C-alpha cells in the first residue's frame, strides 16, 4: 500500500489485548507507534461512549452491530487483496510491483513503511518477538523508499508467517491498518456526511489502495474533493448518499484507468473491478453490508459470516 506517514505522538504498549501503558514519544529509541494503533481493540468502548444515553441492552446491540460491520469491511478487503473471505494475516509475497514485500491483511509494504509500522507495534506489545531482528533493515528500506527485498534475508517470509499465528500480531495488523487507512476514511465520511457501512467501505478501500493523504494525486482526498465539487456538496448538505457514492466510484474508476501515480499505469487499470463491485452492492441496496455479501467480477466470492 501507499505510505501514510504517522505523526509522532504517544507510544502505547499493548499487552494481552489491552493498552498497558502510554508514555510521551521522543525519548524512546523507537519512533512512535501510530497514535490509534489499538483502535480495533477499543471499538466496543467507542460504541458504548457514543450511546451512553441509551439502555445497556441498546448499547450492546449497537456495539455488536458496529463490530460485525467492521469485520465485514475486513472480509471485503480480504476478497480484494487475497481472493479470500477472511483476512490473510500470514500472506507475504514480492509481487514485483514496486512495493517490495506485500504482506498481511491489507498488503503492508516494505517500501512505504506501513509494514515497518506493524512490526514496531508488535515489538512494543511483544518484545523479542520473531520479527524484532528485522526492524533495523525494514527501517532502512522504508527510509530509502526502495523495493529491494534481499536485504531481509531468506528467513523473513517464514518468520512473518510464524508471527501471523500470534493473535496479538493479528490484532496489531488490524489496528495499524485502521490507523493508516480507516481513520482517514472516517474523517472524510464525517466531513462529507457519509453514514453507511458501505459508504465507509468505499472510502476505506480507496484510501487503502490509492493513498489516504494529500500527497496522493489519485488518492482518497483527491477523489472526495472532486466528488464534492461535481455534486456541489455531500450528504451533509443534502446530497443523497447513494448519488454521492455513485459519483465517487465513477471518478475513482477514471483515476484507476488513467492514474497520475508513478508506476501504476500498468496495474491500476486492471483494478476497476473493486469500485465496480462496491457499486454493485449499492445498486442492490445493501448499504448496511448485511450478509450474505457477494463480491462479483473476477472475485466471485460470497461472505456469509463476518470473520476476523
C-alpha atoms as a PDB file:
ATOM      1  CA  UNK A   1       0.000   0.000   0.000  1.00  0.00           C
ATOM      2  CA  UNK A   2       0.964   3.624  -0.249  1.00  0.00           C
ATOM      3  CA  UNK A   3       2.756   5.418   2.548  1.00  0.00           C
ATOM      4  CA  UNK A   4       0.573   7.117   5.138  1.00  0.00           C
ATOM      5  CA  UNK A   5       3.168   8.827   7.342  1.00  0.00           C
ATOM      6  CA  UNK A   6       2.278   8.549  11.032  1.00  0.00           C
ATOM      7  CA  UNK A   7       2.727  11.562  13.358  1.00  0.00           C
ATOM      8  CA  UNK A   8       4.977  11.431  16.397  1.00  0.00           C
ATOM      9  CA  UNK A   9       2.594  11.298  19.334  1.00  0.00           C
ATOM     10  CA  UNK A  10       2.109   8.677  22.033  1.00  0.00           C
ATOM     11  CA  UNK A  11       3.930   5.396  22.231  1.00  0.00           C
ATOM     12  CA  UNK A  12       1.420   2.882  23.618  1.00  0.00           C
ATOM     13  CA  UNK A  13       2.322  -0.542  24.891  1.00  0.00           C
ATOM     14  CA  UNK A  14      -0.317  -3.175  24.333  1.00  0.00           C
ATOM     15  CA  UNK A  15      -0.265  -6.424  26.227  1.00  0.00           C
ATOM     16  CA  UNK A  16      -2.873  -9.191  26.228  1.00  0.00           C
ATOM     17  CA  UNK A  17      -5.205  -7.112  24.052  1.00  0.00           C
ATOM     18  CA  UNK A  18      -5.335  -4.044  26.312  1.00  0.00           C
ATOM     19  CA  UNK A  19      -3.493  -0.762  26.474  1.00  0.00           C
ATOM     20  CA  UNK A  20      -0.950  -1.391  29.167  1.00  0.00           C
ATOM     21  CA  UNK A  21       0.954   1.887  29.188  1.00  0.00           C
ATOM     22  CA  UNK A  22       1.172   5.147  27.277  1.00  0.00           C
ATOM     23  CA  UNK A  23       4.131   7.488  27.506  1.00  0.00           C
ATOM     24  CA  UNK A  24       5.190  10.545  25.514  1.00  0.00           C
ATOM     25  CA  UNK A  25       7.178   9.621  22.435  1.00  0.00           C
ATOM     26  CA  UNK A  26      10.521  11.142  21.620  1.00  0.00           C
ATOM     27  CA  UNK A  27      12.654   9.829  24.416  1.00  0.00           C
ATOM     28  CA  UNK A  28      12.435   6.220  23.322  1.00  0.00           C
ATOM     29  CA  UNK A  29      14.828   4.727  20.804  1.00  0.00           C
ATOM     30  CA  UNK A  30      11.985   3.659  18.539  1.00  0.00           C
ATOM     31  CA  UNK A  31       9.896   6.253  16.668  1.00  0.00           C
ATOM     32  CA  UNK A  32       6.343   6.487  17.962  1.00  0.00           C
ATOM     33  CA  UNK A  33       3.803   3.831  17.147  1.00  0.00           C
ATOM     34  CA  UNK A  34       0.883   5.385  15.199  1.00  0.00           C
ATOM     35  CA  UNK A  35      -1.483   7.110  17.649  1.00  0.00           C
ATOM     36  CA  UNK A  36      -4.528   4.921  17.204  1.00  0.00           C
ATOM     37  CA  UNK A  37      -2.646   1.674  16.735  1.00  0.00           C
ATOM     38  CA  UNK A  38      -5.017  -0.068  19.118  1.00  0.00           C
ATOM     39  CA  UNK A  39      -8.214   1.424  17.692  1.00  0.00           C
ATOM     40  CA  UNK A  40      -9.515  -2.011  16.794  1.00  0.00           C
ATOM     41  CA  UNK A  41      -9.250  -3.103  20.429  1.00  0.00           C
ATOM     42  CA  UNK A  42     -11.357  -0.182  21.662  1.00  0.00           C
ATOM     43  CA  UNK A  43     -14.132  -0.318  19.073  1.00  0.00           C
ATOM     44  CA  UNK A  44     -16.706  -1.538  21.569  1.00  0.00           C
ATOM     45  CA  UNK A  45     -15.690   1.155  24.074  1.00  0.00           C
ATOM     46  CA  UNK A  46     -16.146   3.850  21.443  1.00  0.00           C
ATOM     47  CA  UNK A  47     -19.544   2.446  20.557  1.00  0.00           C
ATOM     48  CA  UNK A  48     -20.599   2.445  24.223  1.00  0.00           C
ATOM     49  CA  UNK A  49     -19.444   6.037  24.681  1.00  0.00           C
ATOM     50  CA  UNK A  50     -21.406   7.112  21.621  1.00  0.00           C
ATOM     51  CA  UNK A  51     -24.569   5.538  23.043  1.00  0.00           C
ATOM     52  CA  UNK A  52     -24.107   6.486  26.702  1.00  0.00           C
ATOM     53  CA  UNK A  53     -27.649   7.857  26.952  1.00  0.00           C
ATOM     54  CA  UNK A  54     -29.267   4.610  25.831  1.00  0.00           C
ATOM     55  CA  UNK A  55     -30.044   1.451  27.758  1.00  0.00           C
ATOM     56  CA  UNK A  56     -27.320  -1.171  28.365  1.00  0.00           C
ATOM     57  CA  UNK A  57     -29.128  -3.556  26.012  1.00  0.00           C
ATOM     58  CA  UNK A  58     -29.177  -0.932  23.255  1.00  0.00           C
ATOM     59  CA  UNK A  59     -25.521  -0.190  23.864  1.00  0.00           C
ATOM     60  CA  UNK A  60     -24.690  -3.884  23.492  1.00  0.00           C
ATOM     61  CA  UNK A  61     -26.711  -4.137  20.274  1.00  0.00           C
ATOM     62  CA  UNK A  62     -25.034  -1.045  18.828  1.00  0.00           C
ATOM     63  CA  UNK A  63     -21.549  -2.271  19.748  1.00  0.00           C
ATOM     64  CA  UNK A  64     -22.267  -5.711  18.312  1.00  0.00           C
ATOM     65  CA  UNK A  65     -23.599  -4.239  15.071  1.00  0.00           C
ATOM     66  CA  UNK A  66     -20.546  -1.998  14.720  1.00  0.00           C
ATOM     67  CA  UNK A  67     -18.213  -4.938  15.349  1.00  0.00           C
ATOM     68  CA  UNK A  68     -19.983  -7.057  12.716  1.00  0.00           C
ATOM     69  CA  UNK A  69     -19.857  -4.230  10.182  1.00  0.00           C
ATOM     70  CA  UNK A  70     -16.167  -3.712  10.852  1.00  0.00           C
ATOM     71  CA  UNK A  71     -15.485  -7.427  10.386  1.00  0.00           C
ATOM     72  CA  UNK A  72     -17.385  -7.295   7.094  1.00  0.00           C
ATOM     73  CA  UNK A  73     -15.135  -4.449   5.944  1.00  0.00           C
ATOM     74  CA  UNK A  74     -12.116  -6.580   6.858  1.00  0.00           C
ATOM     75  CA  UNK A  75     -13.530  -9.511   4.901  1.00  0.00           C
ATOM     76  CA  UNK A  76     -14.269  -7.431   1.800  1.00  0.00           C
ATOM     77  CA  UNK A  77     -10.652  -6.269   1.960  1.00  0.00           C
ATOM     78  CA  UNK A  78      -9.576  -9.923   2.083  1.00  0.00           C
ATOM     79  CA  UNK A  79     -11.555 -10.581  -1.094  1.00  0.00           C
ATOM     80  CA  UNK A  80      -9.925  -7.683  -2.922  1.00  0.00           C
ATOM     81  CA  UNK A  81      -6.407  -8.267  -1.611  1.00  0.00           C
ATOM     82  CA  UNK A  82      -6.161 -12.063  -1.436  1.00  0.00           C
ATOM     83  CA  UNK A  83      -9.241 -13.618  -3.060  1.00  0.00           C
ATOM     84  CA  UNK A  84     -10.265 -14.916   0.356  1.00  0.00           C
ATOM     85  CA  UNK A  85     -13.316 -14.267   2.539  1.00  0.00           C
ATOM     86  CA  UNK A  86     -11.248 -13.932   5.737  1.00  0.00           C
ATOM     87  CA  UNK A  87      -8.201 -11.715   6.403  1.00  0.00           C
ATOM     88  CA  UNK A  88      -4.891 -13.321   5.417  1.00  0.00           C
ATOM     89  CA  UNK A  89      -2.516 -12.169   8.148  1.00  0.00           C
ATOM     90  CA  UNK A  90       0.247 -14.554   7.055  1.00  0.00           C
ATOM     91  CA  UNK A  91       0.257 -13.571   3.395  1.00  0.00           C
ATOM     92  CA  UNK A  92       3.622 -12.282   2.139  1.00  0.00           C
ATOM     93  CA  UNK A  93       4.983 -12.014  -1.380  1.00  0.00           C
ATOM     94  CA  UNK A  94       7.163  -9.853  -3.589  1.00  0.00           C
ATOM     95  CA  UNK A  95       4.720  -9.098  -6.390  1.00  0.00           C
ATOM     96  CA  UNK A  96       7.376  -7.143  -8.312  1.00  0.00           C
ATOM     97  CA  UNK A  97       5.044  -4.152  -8.431  1.00  0.00           C
ATOM     98  CA  UNK A  98       7.429  -1.634  -6.886  1.00  0.00           C
ATOM     99  CA  UNK A  99       6.308  -2.171  -3.271  1.00  0.00           C
ATOM    100  CA  UNK A 100       8.887  -4.704  -2.129  1.00  0.00           C
ATOM    101  CA  UNK A 101       7.262  -7.331   0.047  1.00  0.00           C
ATOM    102  CA  UNK A 102       3.476  -7.052   0.270  1.00  0.00           C
ATOM    103  CA  UNK A 103       2.218  -8.711   3.438  1.00  0.00           C
ATOM    104  CA  UNK A 104      -0.637  -9.123   5.850  1.00  0.00           C
ATOM    105  CA  UNK A 105      -4.357  -8.474   5.683  1.00  0.00           C
ATOM    106  CA  UNK A 106      -4.146  -5.191   3.780  1.00  0.00           C
ATOM    107  CA  UNK A 107      -0.898  -5.648   1.902  1.00  0.00           C
ATOM    108  CA  UNK A 108       1.571  -3.762   4.094  1.00  0.00           C
ATOM    109  CA  UNK A 109       4.616  -2.801   2.013  1.00  0.00           C
ATOM    110  CA  UNK A 110       8.290  -2.773   2.931  1.00  0.00           C
ATOM    111  CA  UNK A 111       8.921   0.162   0.583  1.00  0.00           C
ATOM    112  CA  UNK A 112       6.349   2.556   2.022  1.00  0.00           C
ATOM    113  CA  UNK A 113       6.809   1.864   5.730  1.00  0.00           C
ATOM    114  CA  UNK A 114       3.439   0.564   6.847  1.00  0.00           C
ATOM    115  CA  UNK A 115       4.909  -2.927   7.224  1.00  0.00           C
ATOM    116  CA  UNK A 116       7.564  -1.353   9.441  1.00  0.00           C
ATOM    117  CA  UNK A 117       4.775   0.284  11.486  1.00  0.00           C
ATOM    118  CA  UNK A 118       3.192  -3.116  12.079  1.00  0.00           C
ATOM    119  CA  UNK A 119       6.493  -4.639  13.201  1.00  0.00           C
ATOM    120  CA  UNK A 120       7.271  -1.698  15.530  1.00  0.00           C
ATOM    121  CA  UNK A 121       3.862  -2.006  17.166  1.00  0.00           C
ATOM    122  CA  UNK A 122       4.414  -5.739  17.587  1.00  0.00           C
ATOM    123  CA  UNK A 123       7.805  -5.043  19.156  1.00  0.00           C
ATOM    124  CA  UNK A 124       6.100  -2.788  21.692  1.00  0.00           C
ATOM    125  CA  UNK A 125       3.397  -5.319  22.514  1.00  0.00           C
ATOM    126  CA  UNK A 126       5.578  -8.441  22.426  1.00  0.00           C
ATOM    127  CA  UNK A 127       9.264  -7.570  22.999  1.00  0.00           C
ATOM    128  CA  UNK A 128      11.691 -10.039  21.485  1.00  0.00           C
ATOM    129  CA  UNK A 129       9.182 -11.417  19.001  1.00  0.00           C
ATOM    130  CA  UNK A 130      10.329 -13.298  15.900  1.00  0.00           C
ATOM    131  CA  UNK A 131      10.251 -10.148  13.732  1.00  0.00           C
ATOM    132  CA  UNK A 132      12.205  -7.862  16.071  1.00  0.00           C
ATOM    133  CA  UNK A 133      15.551  -8.630  14.459  1.00  0.00           C
ATOM    134  CA  UNK A 134      14.347  -7.290  11.115  1.00  0.00           C
ATOM    135  CA  UNK A 135      13.348  -3.846  12.422  1.00  0.00           C
ATOM    136  CA  UNK A 136      16.554  -2.001  11.510  1.00  0.00           C
ATOM    137  CA  UNK A 137      16.585  -3.358   7.963  1.00  0.00           C
ATOM    138  CA  UNK A 138      12.901  -2.585   7.494  1.00  0.00           C
ATOM    139  CA  UNK A 139      13.564   0.977   8.620  1.00  0.00           C
ATOM    140  CA  UNK A 140      16.410   1.364   6.116  1.00  0.00           C
ATOM    141  CA  UNK A 141      14.238   0.042   3.290  1.00  0.00           C
ATOM    142  CA  UNK A 142      11.386   2.389   4.195  1.00  0.00           C
ATOM    143  CA  UNK A 143      13.666   5.413   4.608  1.00  0.00           C
ATOM    144  CA  UNK A 144      15.251   4.717   1.229  1.00  0.00           C
ATOM    145  CA  UNK A 145      11.847   4.089  -0.408  1.00  0.00           C
ATOM    146  CA  UNK A 146      13.313   1.017  -2.071  1.00  0.00           C
ATOM    147  CA  UNK A 147      11.571  -2.139  -3.210  1.00  0.00           C
ATOM    148  CA  UNK A 148      14.605  -4.330  -2.502  1.00  0.00           C
ATOM    149  CA  UNK A 149      13.729  -7.471  -0.576  1.00  0.00           C
ATOM    150  CA  UNK A 150      17.010  -9.398  -0.469  1.00  0.00           C
ATOM    151  CA  UNK A 151      18.333  -7.269   2.395  1.00  0.00           C
ATOM    152  CA  UNK A 152      15.918  -9.010   4.763  1.00  0.00           C
ATOM    153  CA  UNK A 153      17.400 -12.456   4.165  1.00  0.00           C
ATOM    154  CA  UNK A 154      15.852 -15.756   3.266  1.00  0.00           C
ATOM    155  CA  UNK A 155      14.094 -16.292   6.596  1.00  0.00           C
ATOM    156  CA  UNK A 156      11.925 -13.181   6.672  1.00  0.00           C
ATOM    157  CA  UNK A 157       8.898 -14.585   4.884  1.00  0.00           C
ATOM    158  CA  UNK A 158       8.784 -17.681   7.086  1.00  0.00           C
ATOM    159  CA  UNK A 159       9.130 -15.544  10.211  1.00  0.00           C
ATOM    160  CA  UNK A 160       6.278 -13.262   9.057  1.00  0.00           C
ATOM    161  CA  UNK A 161       4.032 -16.295   8.646  1.00  0.00           C
ATOM    162  CA  UNK A 162       5.106 -17.575  12.048  1.00  0.00           C
ATOM    163  CA  UNK A 163       4.325 -14.217  13.666  1.00  0.00           C
ATOM    164  CA  UNK A 164       0.911 -14.204  11.992  1.00  0.00           C
ATOM    165  CA  UNK A 165      -0.066 -17.236  14.073  1.00  0.00           C
ATOM    166  CA  UNK A 166       0.098 -14.986  17.163  1.00  0.00           C
ATOM    167  CA  UNK A 167      -3.310 -13.424  17.963  1.00  0.00           C
ATOM    168  CA  UNK A 168      -1.514 -10.334  19.291  1.00  0.00           C
ATOM    169  CA  UNK A 169       0.120  -9.735  15.910  1.00  0.00           C
ATOM    170  CA  UNK A 170      -3.205 -10.218  14.148  1.00  0.00           C
ATOM    171  CA  UNK A 171      -4.804  -7.578  16.368  1.00  0.00           C
ATOM    172  CA  UNK A 172      -1.885  -5.270  15.713  1.00  0.00           C
ATOM    173  CA  UNK A 173      -2.158  -5.738  11.953  1.00  0.00           C
ATOM    174  CA  UNK A 174      -5.804  -4.707  12.145  1.00  0.00           C
ATOM    175  CA  UNK A 175      -5.030  -1.726  14.340  1.00  0.00           C
ATOM    176  CA  UNK A 176      -2.187  -0.408  12.185  1.00  0.00           C
ATOM    177  CA  UNK A 177      -4.381  -0.759   9.111  1.00  0.00           C
ATOM    178  CA  UNK A 178      -7.126   1.174  10.858  1.00  0.00           C
ATOM    179  CA  UNK A 179      -4.731   3.920  11.871  1.00  0.00           C
ATOM    180  CA  UNK A 180      -3.298   4.296   8.388  1.00  0.00           C
ATOM    181  CA  UNK A 181      -6.392   3.957   6.240  1.00  0.00           C
ATOM    182  CA  UNK A 182      -9.667   3.553   8.150  1.00  0.00           C
ATOM    183  CA  UNK A 183      -9.031   6.659  10.246  1.00  0.00           C
ATOM    184  CA  UNK A 184      -8.650   8.923   7.176  1.00  0.00           C
ATOM    185  CA  UNK A 185     -11.709   7.276   5.600  1.00  0.00           C
ATOM    186  CA  UNK A 186     -13.751   8.029   8.705  1.00  0.00           C
ATOM    187  CA  UNK A 187     -12.514  11.612   8.596  1.00  0.00           C
ATOM    188  CA  UNK A 188     -13.808  12.054   5.043  1.00  0.00           C
ATOM    189  CA  UNK A 189     -17.060  10.306   5.980  1.00  0.00           C
ATOM    190  CA  UNK A 190     -17.635  12.753   8.840  1.00  0.00           C
ATOM    191  CA  UNK A 191     -16.774  15.754   6.687  1.00  0.00           C
ATOM    192  CA  UNK A 192     -18.982  14.721   3.761  1.00  0.00           C
ATOM    193  CA  UNK A 193     -21.782  13.181   5.817  1.00  0.00           C
ATOM    194  CA  UNK A 194     -21.350   9.577   4.648  1.00  0.00           C
ATOM    195  CA  UNK A 195     -23.021   7.445   7.308  1.00  0.00           C
ATOM    196  CA  UNK A 196     -23.487   3.906   5.969  1.00  0.00           C
ATOM    197  CA  UNK A 197     -21.087   0.965   6.359  1.00  0.00           C
ATOM    198  CA  UNK A 198     -20.925   0.541   2.570  1.00  0.00           C
ATOM    199  CA  UNK A 199     -20.122   4.210   2.148  1.00  0.00           C
ATOM    200  CA  UNK A 200     -17.321   3.879   4.687  1.00  0.00           C
ATOM    201  CA  UNK A 201     -16.019   0.725   2.975  1.00  0.00           C
ATOM    202  CA  UNK A 202     -15.923   2.617  -0.329  1.00  0.00           C
ATOM    203  CA  UNK A 203     -13.794   5.367   1.227  1.00  0.00           C
ATOM    204  CA  UNK A 204     -11.592   2.894   3.115  1.00  0.00           C
ATOM    205  CA  UNK A 205     -10.841   0.777   0.059  1.00  0.00           C
ATOM    206  CA  UNK A 206      -9.855   3.912  -1.853  1.00  0.00           C
ATOM    207  CA  UNK A 207      -7.501   5.055   0.918  1.00  0.00           C
ATOM    208  CA  UNK A 208      -6.017   1.576   1.210  1.00  0.00           C
ATOM    209  CA  UNK A 209      -5.387   1.102  -2.484  1.00  0.00           C
ATOM    210  CA  UNK A 210      -4.726   4.618  -3.750  1.00  0.00           C
ATOM    211  CA  UNK A 211      -3.468   6.566  -0.740  1.00  0.00           C
ATOM    212  CA  UNK A 212      -5.115   8.366   2.195  1.00  0.00           C
ATOM    213  CA  UNK A 213      -3.266  11.674   2.250  1.00  0.00           C
ATOM    214  CA  UNK A 214      -2.948  14.943   0.322  1.00  0.00           C
ATOM    215  CA  UNK A 215       0.229  13.829  -1.485  1.00  0.00           C
ATOM    216  CA  UNK A 216      -1.656  11.038  -3.307  1.00  0.00           C
ATOM    217  CA  UNK A 217      -2.676  12.510  -6.658  1.00  0.00           C
ATOM    218  CA  UNK A 218      -5.171   9.674  -7.218  1.00  0.00           C
ATOM    219  CA  UNK A 219      -5.987   9.146  -3.556  1.00  0.00           C
ATOM    220  CA  UNK A 220      -8.948   9.364  -1.234  1.00  0.00           C
ATOM    221  CA  UNK A 221      -8.780  13.099  -0.551  1.00  0.00           C
ATOM    222  CA  UNK A 222      -8.400  13.957  -4.235  1.00  0.00           C
ATOM    223  CA  UNK A 223     -11.341  11.798  -5.311  1.00  0.00           C
ATOM    224  CA  UNK A 224     -13.551  13.000  -2.440  1.00  0.00           C
ATOM    225  CA  UNK A 225     -12.772  16.622  -3.334  1.00  0.00           C
ATOM    226  CA  UNK A 226     -13.595  16.044  -6.988  1.00  0.00           C
ATOM    227  CA  UNK A 227     -16.829  14.308  -5.996  1.00  0.00           C
ATOM    228  CA  UNK A 228     -17.799  17.160  -3.681  1.00  0.00           C
ATOM    229  CA  UNK A 229     -17.273  19.690  -6.475  1.00  0.00           C
ATOM    230  CA  UNK A 230     -19.144  17.596  -9.028  1.00  0.00           C
ATOM    231  CA  UNK A 231     -22.116  17.088  -6.700  1.00  0.00           C
ATOM    232  CA  UNK A 232     -21.964  20.633  -5.289  1.00  0.00           C
ATOM    233  CA  UNK A 233     -21.768  19.230  -1.783  1.00  0.00           C
ATOM    234  CA  UNK A 234     -22.179  15.967   0.057  1.00  0.00           C
ATOM    235  CA  UNK A 235     -24.744  14.072   2.116  1.00  0.00           C
ATOM    236  CA  UNK A 236     -24.103  16.506   4.960  1.00  0.00           C
ATOM    237  CA  UNK A 237     -25.513  19.312   2.779  1.00  0.00           C
ATOM    238  CA  UNK A 238     -28.451  17.386   1.381  1.00  0.00           C
ATOM    239  CA  UNK A 239     -26.959  15.352  -1.482  1.00  0.00           C
ATOM    240  CA  UNK A 240     -28.341  11.779  -1.320  1.00  0.00           C
ATOM    241  CA  UNK A 241     -25.600   9.436  -0.163  1.00  0.00           C
ATOM    242  CA  UNK A 242     -26.400   6.956  -2.928  1.00  0.00           C
ATOM    243  CA  UNK A 243     -25.861   9.619  -5.592  1.00  0.00           C
ATOM    244  CA  UNK A 244     -22.676  10.903  -3.944  1.00  0.00           C
ATOM    245  CA  UNK A 245     -21.162   7.404  -3.637  1.00  0.00           C
ATOM    246  CA  UNK A 246     -22.075   6.578  -7.256  1.00  0.00           C
ATOM    247  CA  UNK A 247     -20.268   9.694  -8.479  1.00  0.00           C
ATOM    248  CA  UNK A 248     -17.322   8.914  -6.181  1.00  0.00           C
ATOM    249  CA  UNK A 249     -16.991   5.447  -7.712  1.00  0.00           C
ATOM    250  CA  UNK A 250     -17.218   6.869 -11.227  1.00  0.00           C
ATOM    251  CA  UNK A 251     -14.433   9.342 -10.518  1.00  0.00           C
ATOM    252  CA  UNK A 252     -12.349   6.648  -8.832  1.00  0.00           C
ATOM    253  CA  UNK A 253     -12.641   4.438 -11.898  1.00  0.00           C
ATOM    254  CA  UNK A 254     -11.435   7.323 -14.046  1.00  0.00           C
ATOM    255  CA  UNK A 255      -8.378   7.717 -11.806  1.00  0.00           C
ATOM    256  CA  UNK A 256      -7.701   3.974 -11.940  1.00  0.00           C
ATOM    257  CA  UNK A 257      -7.906   3.944 -15.719  1.00  0.00           C
ATOM    258  CA  UNK A 258      -5.641   6.982 -16.106  1.00  0.00           C
ATOM    259  CA  UNK A 259      -3.534   7.237 -12.930  1.00  0.00           C
ATOM    260  CA  UNK A 260      -1.074  10.027 -12.298  1.00  0.00           C
ATOM    261  CA  UNK A 261       0.575   7.940  -9.550  1.00  0.00           C
ATOM    262  CA  UNK A 262       4.032   6.869 -10.790  1.00  0.00           C
ATOM    263  CA  UNK A 263       4.395   3.198 -11.619  1.00  0.00           C
ATOM    264  CA  UNK A 264       0.664   2.420 -11.536  1.00  0.00           C
ATOM    265  CA  UNK A 265      -0.211   2.923 -15.190  1.00  0.00           C
ATOM    266  CA  UNK A 266       0.000  -0.826 -15.882  1.00  0.00           C
ATOM    267  CA  UNK A 267      -1.744  -2.432 -12.905  1.00  0.00           C
ATOM    268  CA  UNK A 268      -4.364   0.051 -11.670  1.00  0.00           C
ATOM    269  CA  UNK A 269      -6.474  -0.032 -14.845  1.00  0.00           C
ATOM    270  CA  UNK A 270      -6.933  -3.745 -14.130  1.00  0.00           C
ATOM    271  CA  UNK A 271      -8.343  -2.934 -10.678  1.00  0.00           C
ATOM    272  CA  UNK A 272     -11.525  -1.144 -11.746  1.00  0.00           C
ATOM    273  CA  UNK A 273     -13.406  -4.228 -10.541  1.00  0.00           C
ATOM    274  CA  UNK A 274     -13.016  -3.031  -6.954  1.00  0.00           C
ATOM    275  CA  UNK A 275     -15.189   0.096  -7.214  1.00  0.00           C
ATOM    276  CA  UNK A 276     -17.470  -1.714  -9.654  1.00  0.00           C
ATOM    277  CA  UNK A 277     -18.077  -4.471  -7.097  1.00  0.00           C
ATOM    278  CA  UNK A 278     -18.790  -1.917  -4.356  1.00  0.00           C
ATOM    279  CA  UNK A 279     -21.163  -0.013  -6.617  1.00  0.00           C
ATOM    280  CA  UNK A 280     -22.960  -3.264  -7.354  1.00  0.00           C
ATOM    281  CA  UNK A 281     -23.613  -3.659  -3.613  1.00  0.00           C
ATOM    282  CA  UNK A 282     -25.007  -0.116  -3.582  1.00  0.00           C
ATOM    283  CA  UNK A 283     -27.231  -0.908  -6.552  1.00  0.00           C
ATOM    284  CA  UNK A 284     -28.510  -3.940  -4.614  1.00  0.00           C
ATOM    285  CA  UNK A 285     -29.321  -1.637  -1.695  1.00  0.00           C
ATOM    286  CA  UNK A 286     -27.032  -3.426   0.780  1.00  0.00           C
ATOM    287  CA  UNK A 287     -25.803  -0.252   2.435  1.00  0.00           C
ATOM    288  CA  UNK A 288     -25.556  -1.965   5.850  1.00  0.00           C
ATOM    289  CA  UNK A 289     -23.364  -4.805   4.470  1.00  0.00           C
ATOM    290  CA  UNK A 290     -25.773  -7.437   5.708  1.00  0.00           C
ATOM    291  CA  UNK A 291     -24.606 -10.965   4.828  1.00  0.00           C
ATOM    292  CA  UNK A 292     -24.542 -12.732   2.550  1.00  0.00           C
ATOM    293  CA  UNK A 293     -22.413 -10.177   0.705  1.00  0.00           C
ATOM    294  CA  UNK A 294     -21.409 -11.289  -2.770  1.00  0.00           C
ATOM    295  CA  UNK A 295     -18.377  -9.627  -4.364  1.00  0.00           C
ATOM    296  CA  UNK A 296     -18.696 -10.167  -8.089  1.00  0.00           C
ATOM    297  CA  UNK A 297     -16.444  -9.583 -11.050  1.00  0.00           C
ATOM    298  CA  UNK A 298     -13.228 -11.558 -11.176  1.00  0.00           C
ATOM    299  CA  UNK A 299     -13.534 -12.460  -7.471  1.00  0.00           C
ATOM    300  CA  UNK A 300     -16.978 -14.096  -7.417  1.00  0.00           C
ATOM    301  CA  UNK A 301     -16.880 -14.752  -3.683  1.00  0.00           C
ATOM    302  CA  UNK A 302     -19.645 -14.596  -1.073  1.00  0.00           C
ATOM    303  CA  UNK A 303     -19.121 -13.588   2.555  1.00  0.00           C
ATOM    304  CA  UNK A 304     -21.722 -15.368   4.655  1.00  0.00           C
ATOM    305  CA  UNK A 305     -20.358 -14.892   8.177  1.00  0.00           C
ATOM    306  CA  UNK A 306     -18.182 -11.874   9.068  1.00  0.00           C
ATOM    307  CA  UNK A 307     -14.903 -13.175  10.488  1.00  0.00           C
ATOM    308  CA  UNK A 308     -11.626 -11.691  11.675  1.00  0.00           C
END
